[in-house]
Amino acid sequence: MKMPAFSGNIRDYPRFKSEFQKHVAPLTTSEDAAAYLLKSCLEKEALEVVKNVNDDLSKMWERLDDRYGRSSKLVDAIMNEIKQLKVVPDRKSVALIDLVNTVESCYLDLVRINMQAEICNSTIVSLIEERLPDTVKTMWYLKVTDTETSINEGNKFTEMLEFMIRHKKAMEYGSSNLRSDQTAHIGVHTS
């Protein structure tokens, strides 16, 4: 089993802590062994944070939580990442896939700390809408303004994320090697 690693990126901390506690900690027979394993998973800045604690597992987690586990710091980092998203031009499937992956990752990180409401507000939804390629944005606006839609302000972000993921899947399908390879001939046999 490959051990999870953490080097100090605050965005990675909730995932790292969850994976360590769920998959690594149960394998240990003592708190000393768990502390040793935790230290062996830490790198760079994160290792510096706990290096003077010896083998006190609770103090190690306390220091890591204090430095990387504060939800306000994580929310700030995530919101900053959302604000840094660039507008995706039409016909740039890789850029759209990256945008969708970033938004989904931000949302899932917020879910891990039970702060998903931070990304579900109308300001953030509007900001993400502005980054969509014009054709995708138009399809989204048509969906939102459809009189038979079930989208409202309470579920707008989650509906938009599902919409974006569907478009990402379509882009991935359309850009697969088989579809973009001009030399591929399906059903043609050469002898």
N, C-alpha and C. Protein backbone atom coordinates (compact mmCIF):
# COMPACT_ATOMS: atom_id res chain seq x y z
N MET A 1 0.84 -1.19 0.00
CA MET A 1 0.00 0.00 0.00
C MET A 1 0.88 1.24 0.00
N LYS A 2 0.57 2.18 -0.89
CA LYS A 2 1.31 3.44 -0.93
C LYS A 2 0.76 4.36 0.14
N MET A 3 1.67 4.91 0.91
CA MET A 3 1.26 5.80 2.01
C MET A 3 0.90 7.18 1.47
N PRO A 4 -0.09 7.83 2.06
CA PRO A 4 -0.40 9.20 1.64
C PRO A 4 0.75 10.12 2.04
N ALA A 5 0.95 11.16 1.29
CA ALA A 5 2.03 12.11 1.59
C ALA A 5 1.44 13.51 1.70
N PHE A 6 2.06 14.33 2.55
CA PHE A 6 1.62 15.70 2.72
C PHE A 6 2.84 16.58 2.91
N SER A 7 2.95 17.62 2.06
CA SER A 7 4.12 18.48 2.12
C SER A 7 3.83 19.89 2.59
N GLY A 8 2.55 20.22 2.81
CA GLY A 8 2.24 21.53 3.34
C GLY A 8 1.26 22.35 2.52
N ASN A 9 0.75 21.80 1.43
CA ASN A 9 -0.26 22.51 0.65
C ASN A 9 -1.59 22.39 1.40
N ILE A 10 -2.11 23.52 1.85
CA ILE A 10 -3.31 23.53 2.68
C ILE A 10 -4.49 22.85 1.98
N ARG A 11 -4.55 22.95 0.65
CA ARG A 11 -5.65 22.32 -0.09
C ARG A 11 -5.61 20.80 0.03
N ASP A 12 -4.43 20.23 0.25
CA ASP A 12 -4.30 18.78 0.33
C ASP A 12 -4.54 18.23 1.74
N TYR A 13 -4.56 19.11 2.74
CA TYR A 13 -4.61 18.63 4.12
C TYR A 13 -5.86 17.84 4.48
N PRO A 14 -7.08 18.29 4.16
CA PRO A 14 -8.26 17.49 4.55
C PRO A 14 -8.23 16.08 3.96
N ARG A 15 -7.85 15.98 2.69
CA ARG A 15 -7.76 14.66 2.04
C ARG A 15 -6.69 13.81 2.71
N PHE A 16 -5.51 14.41 2.97
CA PHE A 16 -4.43 13.67 3.61
C PHE A 16 -4.85 13.15 4.98
N LYS A 17 -5.42 14.02 5.80
CA LYS A 17 -5.81 13.61 7.16
C LYS A 17 -6.86 12.51 7.11
N SER A 18 -7.83 12.66 6.25
CA SER A 18 -8.88 11.65 6.12
C SER A 18 -8.30 10.31 5.68
N GLU A 19 -7.44 10.32 4.67
CA GLU A 19 -6.83 9.07 4.19
C GLU A 19 -5.96 8.43 5.26
N PHE A 20 -5.18 9.24 5.97
CA PHE A 20 -4.31 8.69 7.01
C PHE A 20 -5.14 8.03 8.11
N GLN A 21 -6.15 8.74 8.60
CA GLN A 21 -6.95 8.21 9.70
C GLN A 21 -7.80 7.01 9.29
N LYS A 22 -8.21 6.97 8.03
CA LYS A 22 -9.06 5.88 7.56
C LYS A 22 -8.25 4.64 7.16
N HIS A 23 -7.10 4.85 6.53
CA HIS A 23 -6.38 3.71 5.94
C HIS A 23 -5.07 3.35 6.63
N VAL A 24 -4.39 4.31 7.23
CA VAL A 24 -3.08 4.05 7.81
C VAL A 24 -3.16 3.80 9.31
N ALA A 25 -3.83 4.68 10.02
CA ALA A 25 -3.90 4.56 11.48
C ALA A 25 -4.42 3.20 11.95
N PRO A 26 -5.45 2.62 11.30
CA PRO A 26 -5.93 1.31 11.76
C PRO A 26 -4.90 0.18 11.64
N LEU A 27 -3.87 0.39 10.82
CA LEU A 27 -2.85 -0.64 10.64
C LEU A 27 -1.83 -0.67 11.78
N THR A 28 -1.83 0.37 12.60
CA THR A 28 -0.83 0.47 13.67
C THR A 28 -1.32 -0.20 14.95
N THR A 29 -0.38 -0.67 15.71
CA THR A 29 -0.72 -1.35 16.97
C THR A 29 -0.50 -0.47 18.18
N SER A 30 0.17 0.67 18.00
CA SER A 30 0.40 1.57 19.13
C SER A 30 0.41 3.02 18.64
N GLU A 31 0.29 3.92 19.61
CA GLU A 31 0.33 5.34 19.28
C GLU A 31 1.72 5.74 18.79
N ASP A 32 2.77 5.11 19.35
CA ASP A 32 4.14 5.39 18.89
C ASP A 32 4.31 5.01 17.43
N ALA A 33 3.77 3.86 17.05
CA ALA A 33 3.87 3.42 15.66
C ALA A 33 3.09 4.36 14.74
N ALA A 34 1.93 4.81 15.19
CA ALA A 34 1.12 5.74 14.40
C ALA A 34 1.86 7.07 14.24
N ALA A 35 2.50 7.54 15.29
CA ALA A 35 3.27 8.78 15.22
C ALA A 35 4.44 8.64 14.24
N TYR A 36 5.11 7.49 14.28
CA TYR A 36 6.21 7.23 13.36
C TYR A 36 5.70 7.22 11.91
N LEU A 37 4.59 6.56 11.67
CA LEU A 37 4.03 6.51 10.33
C LEU A 37 3.58 7.90 9.85
N LEU A 38 3.00 8.65 10.77
CA LEU A 38 2.58 10.01 10.40
C LEU A 38 3.79 10.83 9.96
N LYS A 39 4.85 10.79 10.76
CA LYS A 39 6.07 11.53 10.40
C LYS A 39 6.62 11.08 9.06
N SER A 40 6.55 9.78 8.80
CA SER A 40 7.10 9.27 7.54
C SER A 40 6.25 9.71 6.33
N CYS A 41 5.02 10.14 6.57
CA CYS A 41 4.16 10.62 5.48
C CYS A 41 4.32 12.12 5.23
N LEU A 42 4.97 12.79 6.16
CA LEU A 42 5.12 14.25 6.03
C LEU A 42 6.41 14.59 5.31
N GLU A 43 6.34 15.68 4.55
CA GLU A 43 7.51 16.14 3.79
C GLU A 43 7.63 17.65 3.95
N LYS A 44 8.82 18.15 3.71
CA LYS A 44 9.11 19.58 3.62
C LYS A 44 8.54 20.36 4.80
N GLU A 45 7.74 21.38 4.48
CA GLU A 45 7.19 22.28 5.50
C GLU A 45 6.37 21.55 6.56
N ALA A 46 5.57 20.59 6.15
CA ALA A 46 4.71 19.85 7.08
C ALA A 46 5.55 19.07 8.09
N LEU A 47 6.65 18.51 7.66
CA LEU A 47 7.53 17.78 8.57
C LEU A 47 8.18 18.74 9.58
N GLU A 48 8.51 19.92 9.14
CA GLU A 48 9.08 20.94 10.03
C GLU A 48 8.11 21.31 11.15
N VAL A 49 6.83 21.32 10.84
CA VAL A 49 5.80 21.71 11.82
C VAL A 49 5.78 20.76 13.00
N VAL A 50 6.07 19.47 12.78
CA VAL A 50 5.96 18.47 13.86
C VAL A 50 7.31 17.93 14.34
N LYS A 51 8.39 18.36 13.77
CA LYS A 51 9.67 17.72 14.08
C LYS A 51 10.09 17.83 15.55
N ASN A 52 9.66 18.83 16.26
CA ASN A 52 10.05 19.00 17.67
C ASN A 52 9.08 18.38 18.66
N VAL A 53 8.10 17.62 18.19
CA VAL A 53 7.08 17.06 19.06
C VAL A 53 7.43 15.64 19.51
N ASN A 54 8.49 15.08 19.00
CA ASN A 54 8.88 13.69 19.26
C ASN A 54 7.80 12.75 18.73
N ASP A 55 7.33 11.83 19.57
CA ASP A 55 6.37 10.84 19.10
C ASP A 55 5.00 10.99 19.74
N ASP A 56 4.61 12.21 20.05
CA ASP A 56 3.31 12.47 20.65
C ASP A 56 2.30 12.70 19.53
N LEU A 57 1.55 11.66 19.18
CA LEU A 57 0.63 11.70 18.05
C LEU A 57 -0.41 12.81 18.18
N SER A 58 -0.99 12.97 19.35
CA SER A 58 -2.02 13.99 19.50
C SER A 58 -1.45 15.39 19.32
N LYS A 59 -0.23 15.62 19.81
CA LYS A 59 0.40 16.93 19.63
C LYS A 59 0.76 17.17 18.15
N MET A 60 1.14 16.09 17.46
CA MET A 60 1.44 16.23 16.04
C MET A 60 0.19 16.67 15.28
N TRP A 61 -0.92 15.99 15.54
CA TRP A 61 -2.16 16.36 14.87
C TRP A 61 -2.60 17.76 15.28
N GLU A 62 -2.39 18.11 16.54
CA GLU A 62 -2.76 19.44 17.03
C GLU A 62 -2.00 20.52 16.24
N ARG A 63 -0.69 20.32 16.06
CA ARG A 63 0.11 21.29 15.32
C ARG A 63 -0.27 21.34 13.84
N LEU A 64 -0.48 20.18 13.26
CA LEU A 64 -0.89 20.14 11.85
C LEU A 64 -2.25 20.79 11.66
N ASP A 65 -3.20 20.49 12.55
CA ASP A 65 -4.53 21.08 12.47
C ASP A 65 -4.46 22.60 12.63
N ASP A 66 -3.62 23.04 13.56
CA ASP A 66 -3.49 24.48 13.79
C ASP A 66 -2.95 25.19 12.55
N ARG A 67 -2.00 24.57 11.88
CA ARG A 67 -1.36 25.18 10.72
C ARG A 67 -2.18 25.02 9.43
N TYR A 68 -2.75 23.83 9.22
CA TYR A 68 -3.39 23.53 7.94
C TYR A 68 -4.88 23.20 8.03
N GLY A 69 -5.38 22.97 9.23
CA GLY A 69 -6.74 22.47 9.37
C GLY A 69 -7.80 23.50 9.68
N ARG A 70 -7.43 24.73 9.77
CA ARG A 70 -8.44 25.76 10.05
C ARG A 70 -9.31 25.96 8.82
N SER A 71 -10.58 25.79 9.01
CA SER A 71 -11.50 25.87 7.86
C SER A 71 -11.46 27.24 7.19
N SER A 72 -11.25 28.30 7.97
CA SER A 72 -11.21 29.64 7.37
C SER A 72 -10.04 29.78 6.40
N LYS A 73 -8.89 29.19 6.73
CA LYS A 73 -7.73 29.24 5.83
C LYS A 73 -8.00 28.43 4.56
N LEU A 74 -8.60 27.27 4.72
CA LEU A 74 -8.89 26.42 3.57
C LEU A 74 -9.93 27.08 2.66
N VAL A 75 -10.96 27.64 3.25
CA VAL A 75 -11.99 28.33 2.45
C VAL A 75 -11.35 29.48 1.68
N ASP A 76 -10.48 30.25 2.32
CA ASP A 76 -9.79 31.35 1.63
C ASP A 76 -8.97 30.84 0.45
N ALA A 77 -8.25 29.75 0.65
CA ALA A 77 -7.42 29.18 -0.42
C ALA A 77 -8.29 28.69 -1.57
N ILE A 78 -9.40 28.07 -1.25
CA ILE A 78 -10.30 27.56 -2.29
C ILE A 78 -10.96 28.70 -3.05
N MET A 79 -11.45 29.69 -2.35
CA MET A 79 -12.10 30.83 -3.01
C MET A 79 -11.10 31.58 -3.88
N ASN A 80 -9.86 31.67 -3.43
CA ASN A 80 -8.83 32.31 -4.23
C ASN A 80 -8.60 31.54 -5.52
N GLU A 81 -8.59 30.22 -5.42
CA GLU A 81 -8.42 29.39 -6.62
C GLU A 81 -9.57 29.59 -7.60
N ILE A 82 -10.79 29.69 -7.09
CA ILE A 82 -11.95 29.92 -7.95
C ILE A 82 -11.82 31.28 -8.63
N LYS A 83 -11.42 32.30 -7.88
CA LYS A 83 -11.29 33.65 -8.44
C LYS A 83 -10.20 33.73 -9.50
N GLN A 84 -9.21 32.84 -9.42
CA GLN A 84 -8.10 32.85 -10.39
C GLN A 84 -8.43 32.12 -11.69
N LEU A 85 -9.59 31.47 -11.77
CA LEU A 85 -9.96 30.75 -12.99
C LEU A 85 -10.00 31.72 -14.17
N LYS A 86 -9.51 31.25 -15.30
CA LYS A 86 -9.50 32.05 -16.53
C LYS A 86 -10.73 31.73 -17.37
N VAL A 87 -11.13 32.68 -18.20
CA VAL A 87 -12.23 32.46 -19.13
C VAL A 87 -11.77 31.41 -20.15
N VAL A 88 -12.62 30.43 -20.39
CA VAL A 88 -12.31 29.36 -21.33
C VAL A 88 -12.87 29.74 -22.71
N PRO A 89 -11.99 29.86 -23.70
CA PRO A 89 -12.49 30.15 -25.04
C PRO A 89 -13.24 28.95 -25.62
N ASP A 90 -14.12 29.21 -26.58
CA ASP A 90 -14.81 28.12 -27.27
C ASP A 90 -13.78 27.23 -27.95
N ARG A 91 -14.13 25.96 -28.08
CA ARG A 91 -13.32 24.96 -28.78
C ARG A 91 -11.99 24.65 -28.07
N LYS A 92 -11.91 24.94 -26.80
CA LYS A 92 -10.71 24.61 -26.01
C LYS A 92 -11.11 23.55 -24.98
N SER A 93 -11.25 22.32 -25.46
CA SER A 93 -11.77 21.26 -24.60
C SER A 93 -10.87 21.00 -23.40
N VAL A 94 -9.56 21.07 -23.58
CA VAL A 94 -8.65 20.82 -22.46
C VAL A 94 -8.84 21.88 -21.37
N ALA A 95 -9.01 23.13 -21.78
CA ALA A 95 -9.21 24.22 -20.81
C ALA A 95 -10.53 24.05 -20.07
N LEU A 96 -11.58 23.60 -20.78
CA LEU A 96 -12.87 23.37 -20.12
C LEU A 96 -12.76 22.21 -19.14
N ILE A 97 -12.09 21.16 -19.53
CA ILE A 97 -11.89 20.00 -18.64
C ILE A 97 -11.15 20.44 -17.39
N ASP A 98 -10.11 21.26 -17.54
CA ASP A 98 -9.36 21.76 -16.38
C ASP A 98 -10.24 22.61 -15.48
N LEU A 99 -11.06 23.47 -16.07
CA LEU A 99 -11.95 24.32 -15.28
C LEU A 99 -12.92 23.47 -14.47
N VAL A 100 -13.54 22.49 -15.11
CA VAL A 100 -14.50 21.62 -14.42
C VAL A 100 -13.80 20.84 -13.31
N ASN A 101 -12.62 20.31 -13.58
CA ASN A 101 -11.88 19.57 -12.55
C ASN A 101 -11.56 20.46 -11.36
N THR A 102 -11.17 21.70 -11.62
CA THR A 102 -10.85 22.64 -10.53
C THR A 102 -12.09 22.94 -9.70
N VAL A 103 -13.19 23.25 -10.35
CA VAL A 103 -14.43 23.58 -9.61
C VAL A 103 -14.89 22.38 -8.80
N GLU A 104 -14.85 21.19 -9.40
CA GLU A 104 -15.28 19.99 -8.68
C GLU A 104 -14.37 19.71 -7.49
N SER A 105 -13.07 19.86 -7.68
CA SER A 105 -12.12 19.65 -6.59
C SER A 105 -12.35 20.64 -5.44
N CYS A 106 -12.57 21.89 -5.79
CA CYS A 106 -12.85 22.91 -4.77
C CYS A 106 -14.11 22.55 -3.98
N TYR A 107 -15.15 22.15 -4.69
CA TYR A 107 -16.40 21.78 -4.04
C TYR A 107 -16.19 20.59 -3.09
N LEU A 108 -15.51 19.56 -3.57
CA LEU A 108 -15.30 18.36 -2.74
C LEU A 108 -14.45 18.67 -1.52
N ASP A 109 -13.46 19.55 -1.66
CA ASP A 109 -12.67 19.96 -0.49
C ASP A 109 -13.54 20.67 0.53
N LEU A 110 -14.45 21.50 0.06
CA LEU A 110 -15.36 22.19 0.98
C LEU A 110 -16.33 21.21 1.64
N VAL A 111 -16.78 20.21 0.90
CA VAL A 111 -17.67 19.19 1.47
C VAL A 111 -16.94 18.46 2.60
N ARG A 112 -15.65 18.15 2.41
CA ARG A 112 -14.87 17.43 3.44
C ARG A 112 -14.86 18.16 4.78
N ILE A 113 -14.93 19.49 4.73
CA ILE A 113 -14.92 20.26 5.98
C ILE A 113 -16.29 20.86 6.29
N ASN A 114 -17.31 20.37 5.58
CA ASN A 114 -18.69 20.79 5.80
C ASN A 114 -18.89 22.30 5.60
N MET A 115 -18.22 22.84 4.58
CA MET A 115 -18.32 24.27 4.28
C MET A 115 -18.76 24.51 2.83
N GLN A 116 -19.49 23.56 2.25
CA GLN A 116 -19.88 23.66 0.85
C GLN A 116 -20.76 24.87 0.55
N ALA A 117 -21.41 25.41 1.56
CA ALA A 117 -22.26 26.59 1.34
C ALA A 117 -21.43 27.77 0.82
N GLU A 118 -20.14 27.77 1.10
CA GLU A 118 -19.26 28.86 0.66
C GLU A 118 -19.20 28.97 -0.86
N ILE A 119 -19.32 27.86 -1.55
CA ILE A 119 -19.22 27.87 -3.01
C ILE A 119 -20.59 27.89 -3.67
N CYS A 120 -21.62 27.69 -2.91
CA CYS A 120 -22.97 27.58 -3.47
C CYS A 120 -23.71 28.91 -3.51
N ASN A 121 -23.04 29.99 -3.23
CA ASN A 121 -23.74 31.28 -3.24
C ASN A 121 -23.77 31.88 -4.65
N SER A 122 -24.65 32.82 -4.87
CA SER A 122 -24.87 33.36 -6.21
C SER A 122 -23.66 34.11 -6.76
N THR A 123 -22.85 34.71 -5.90
CA THR A 123 -21.67 35.42 -6.37
C THR A 123 -20.67 34.46 -7.00
N ILE A 124 -20.42 33.34 -6.34
CA ILE A 124 -19.47 32.36 -6.87
C ILE A 124 -20.05 31.69 -8.11
N VAL A 125 -21.35 31.38 -8.11
CA VAL A 125 -21.98 30.79 -9.29
C VAL A 125 -21.81 31.73 -10.49
N SER A 126 -22.06 33.02 -10.30
CA SER A 126 -21.91 34.00 -11.38
C SER A 126 -20.47 34.06 -11.87
N LEU A 127 -19.53 34.03 -10.93
CA LEU A 127 -18.12 34.07 -11.30
C LEU A 127 -17.74 32.86 -12.17
N ILE A 128 -18.22 31.69 -11.80
CA ILE A 128 -17.93 30.47 -12.58
C ILE A 128 -18.63 30.55 -13.94
N GLU A 129 -19.88 31.02 -13.94
CA GLU A 129 -20.60 31.17 -15.21
C GLU A 129 -19.81 32.03 -16.19
N GLU A 130 -19.21 33.11 -15.70
CA GLU A 130 -18.45 34.02 -16.55
C GLU A 130 -17.24 33.34 -17.18
N ARG A 131 -16.73 32.29 -16.55
CA ARG A 131 -15.53 31.62 -17.06
C ARG A 131 -15.84 30.56 -18.11
N LEU A 132 -17.10 30.18 -18.24
CA LEU A 132 -17.48 29.14 -19.19
C LEU A 132 -17.30 29.63 -20.63
N PRO A 133 -17.00 28.72 -21.55
CA PRO A 133 -16.97 29.10 -22.97
C PRO A 133 -18.35 29.59 -23.39
N ASP A 134 -18.41 30.48 -24.36
CA ASP A 134 -19.68 31.10 -24.75
C ASP A 134 -20.75 30.08 -25.12
N THR A 135 -20.41 29.04 -25.85
CA THR A 135 -21.43 28.06 -26.26
C THR A 135 -21.97 27.29 -25.06
N VAL A 136 -21.09 26.90 -24.15
CA VAL A 136 -21.52 26.17 -22.95
C VAL A 136 -22.33 27.10 -22.05
N LYS A 137 -21.87 28.34 -21.94
CA LYS A 137 -22.58 29.32 -21.12
C LYS A 137 -23.99 29.54 -21.64
N THR A 138 -24.15 29.64 -22.96
CA THR A 138 -25.47 29.82 -23.55
C THR A 138 -26.36 28.63 -23.25
N MET A 139 -25.83 27.41 -23.37
CA MET A 139 -26.63 26.22 -23.04
C MET A 139 -27.04 26.23 -21.58
N TRP A 140 -26.13 26.66 -20.69
CA TRP A 140 -26.44 26.74 -19.26
C TRP A 140 -27.54 27.78 -19.02
N TYR A 141 -27.42 28.95 -19.65
CA TYR A 141 -28.44 29.99 -19.48
C TYR A 141 -29.80 29.51 -19.97
N LEU A 142 -29.82 28.77 -21.07
CA LEU A 142 -31.08 28.21 -21.57
C LEU A 142 -31.68 27.25 -20.55
N LYS A 143 -30.83 26.45 -19.93
CA LYS A 143 -31.30 25.49 -18.92
C LYS A 143 -31.86 26.24 -17.71
N VAL A 144 -31.16 27.25 -17.26
CA VAL A 144 -31.58 28.00 -16.06
C VAL A 144 -32.88 28.76 -16.31
N THR A 145 -33.04 29.30 -17.51
CA THR A 145 -34.22 30.13 -17.79
C THR A 145 -35.40 29.34 -18.33
N ASP A 146 -35.24 28.06 -18.56
CA ASP A 146 -36.34 27.22 -19.03
C ASP A 146 -37.46 27.24 -17.99
N THR A 147 -38.66 27.47 -18.43
CA THR A 147 -39.79 27.57 -17.49
C THR A 147 -40.08 26.25 -16.78
N GLU A 148 -39.63 25.15 -17.35
CA GLU A 148 -39.87 23.85 -16.73
C GLU A 148 -38.68 23.36 -15.89
N THR A 149 -37.71 24.21 -15.69
CA THR A 149 -36.52 23.80 -14.94
C THR A 149 -36.81 23.71 -13.45
N SER A 150 -36.05 22.87 -12.79
CA SER A 150 -36.18 22.75 -11.34
C SER A 150 -35.03 23.47 -10.63
N ILE A 151 -34.28 24.26 -11.40
CA ILE A 151 -33.14 24.99 -10.83
C ILE A 151 -33.65 26.22 -10.11
N ASN A 152 -33.18 26.38 -8.88
CA ASN A 152 -33.47 27.60 -8.12
C ASN A 152 -32.18 28.02 -7.42
N GLU A 153 -32.21 29.11 -6.74
CA GLU A 153 -30.99 29.61 -6.09
C GLU A 153 -30.43 28.61 -5.08
N GLY A 154 -31.28 27.80 -4.48
CA GLY A 154 -30.82 26.84 -3.48
C GLY A 154 -30.01 25.69 -4.04
N ASN A 155 -30.25 25.33 -5.30
CA ASN A 155 -29.53 24.20 -5.88
C ASN A 155 -28.78 24.58 -7.16
N LYS A 156 -28.64 25.87 -7.41
CA LYS A 156 -28.05 26.33 -8.67
C LYS A 156 -26.62 25.83 -8.85
N PHE A 157 -25.81 25.92 -7.78
CA PHE A 157 -24.42 25.48 -7.93
C PHE A 157 -24.33 23.99 -8.24
N THR A 158 -25.05 23.17 -7.48
CA THR A 158 -24.94 21.72 -7.70
C THR A 158 -25.47 21.34 -9.08
N GLU A 159 -26.52 22.00 -9.53
CA GLU A 159 -27.04 21.77 -10.89
C GLU A 159 -26.00 22.19 -11.93
N MET A 160 -25.35 23.34 -11.69
CA MET A 160 -24.33 23.82 -12.62
C MET A 160 -23.14 22.85 -12.66
N LEU A 161 -22.74 22.36 -11.50
CA LEU A 161 -21.62 21.42 -11.46
C LEU A 161 -21.97 20.14 -12.23
N GLU A 162 -23.15 19.60 -12.04
CA GLU A 162 -23.58 18.42 -12.80
C GLU A 162 -23.60 18.71 -14.29
N PHE A 163 -24.09 19.88 -14.68
CA PHE A 163 -24.11 20.30 -16.08
C PHE A 163 -22.68 20.37 -16.63
N MET A 164 -21.77 20.96 -15.88
CA MET A 164 -20.38 21.08 -16.31
C MET A 164 -19.71 19.71 -16.43
N ILE A 165 -20.00 18.82 -15.51
CA ILE A 165 -19.40 17.48 -15.55
C ILE A 165 -19.90 16.72 -16.79
N ARG A 166 -21.17 16.88 -17.12
CA ARG A 166 -21.69 16.25 -18.34
C ARG A 166 -20.97 16.77 -19.58
N HIS A 167 -20.73 18.08 -19.62
CA HIS A 167 -20.00 18.67 -20.75
C HIS A 167 -18.55 18.22 -20.77
N LYS A 168 -17.97 18.06 -19.61
CA LYS A 168 -16.59 17.56 -19.54
C LYS A 168 -16.51 16.15 -20.11
N LYS A 169 -17.47 15.31 -19.73
CA LYS A 169 -17.49 13.93 -20.25
C LYS A 169 -17.64 13.94 -21.78
N ALA A 170 -18.48 14.82 -22.28
CA ALA A 170 -18.66 14.91 -23.73
C ALA A 170 -17.37 15.36 -24.40
N MET A 171 -16.68 16.32 -23.80
CA MET A 171 -15.40 16.78 -24.35
C MET A 171 -14.37 15.66 -24.32
N GLU A 172 -14.32 14.93 -23.23
CA GLU A 172 -13.38 13.82 -23.13
C GLU A 172 -13.69 12.75 -24.17
N TYR A 173 -14.96 12.47 -24.37
CA TYR A 173 -15.39 11.48 -25.37
C TYR A 173 -15.00 11.96 -26.77
N GLY A 174 -15.28 13.21 -27.05
CA GLY A 174 -15.00 13.76 -28.36
C GLY A 174 -13.53 13.90 -28.67
N SER A 175 -12.72 14.03 -27.64
CA SER A 175 -11.29 14.21 -27.87
C SER A 175 -10.49 12.94 -27.64
N SER A 176 -11.18 11.80 -27.50
CA SER A 176 -10.45 10.55 -27.30
C SER A 176 -9.60 10.25 -28.52
N ASN A 177 -8.53 9.49 -28.34
CA ASN A 177 -7.60 9.18 -29.42
C ASN A 177 -8.30 8.56 -30.63
N LEU A 178 -9.26 7.71 -30.39
CA LEU A 178 -9.94 7.03 -31.49
C LEU A 178 -10.67 8.04 -32.37
N ARG A 179 -11.31 9.05 -31.74
CA ARG A 179 -12.05 10.03 -32.50
C ARG A 179 -11.16 11.04 -33.19
N SER A 180 -10.02 11.36 -32.61
CA SER A 180 -9.17 12.39 -33.19
C SER A 180 -8.10 11.82 -34.11
N ASP A 181 -7.94 10.51 -34.14
CA ASP A 181 -6.94 9.88 -35.00
C ASP A 181 -7.49 9.75 -36.42
N GLN A 182 -6.91 10.50 -37.31
CA GLN A 182 -7.38 10.51 -38.70
C GLN A 182 -7.08 9.20 -39.42
N THR A 183 -6.16 8.39 -38.88
CA THR A 183 -5.79 7.14 -39.55
C THR A 183 -6.62 5.97 -39.08
N ALA A 184 -7.45 6.15 -38.06
CA ALA A 184 -8.25 5.04 -37.55
C ALA A 184 -9.41 4.78 -38.50
N HIS A 185 -9.56 3.57 -38.94
CA HIS A 185 -10.67 3.18 -39.82
C HIS A 185 -11.39 2.01 -39.16
N ILE A 186 -12.57 2.26 -38.65
CA ILE A 186 -13.31 1.22 -37.96
C ILE A 186 -14.02 0.37 -39.00
N GLY A 187 -13.87 -0.95 -38.85
CA GLY A 187 -14.57 -1.87 -39.72
C GLY A 187 -13.87 -2.13 -41.05
N VAL A 188 -12.73 -1.49 -41.26
CA VAL A 188 -11.99 -1.71 -42.51
C VAL A 188 -10.84 -2.66 -42.22
N HIS A 189 -10.81 -3.75 -42.90
CA HIS A 189 -9.73 -4.73 -42.72
C HIS A 189 -8.80 -4.65 -43.93
N THR A 190 -7.54 -4.65 -43.67
CA THR A 190 -6.57 -4.68 -44.76
C THR A 190 -5.83 -5.98 -44.72
N SER A 191 -5.66 -6.57 -45.87
CA SER A 191 -4.96 -7.87 -45.92
C SER A 191 -3.77 -7.77 -46.82
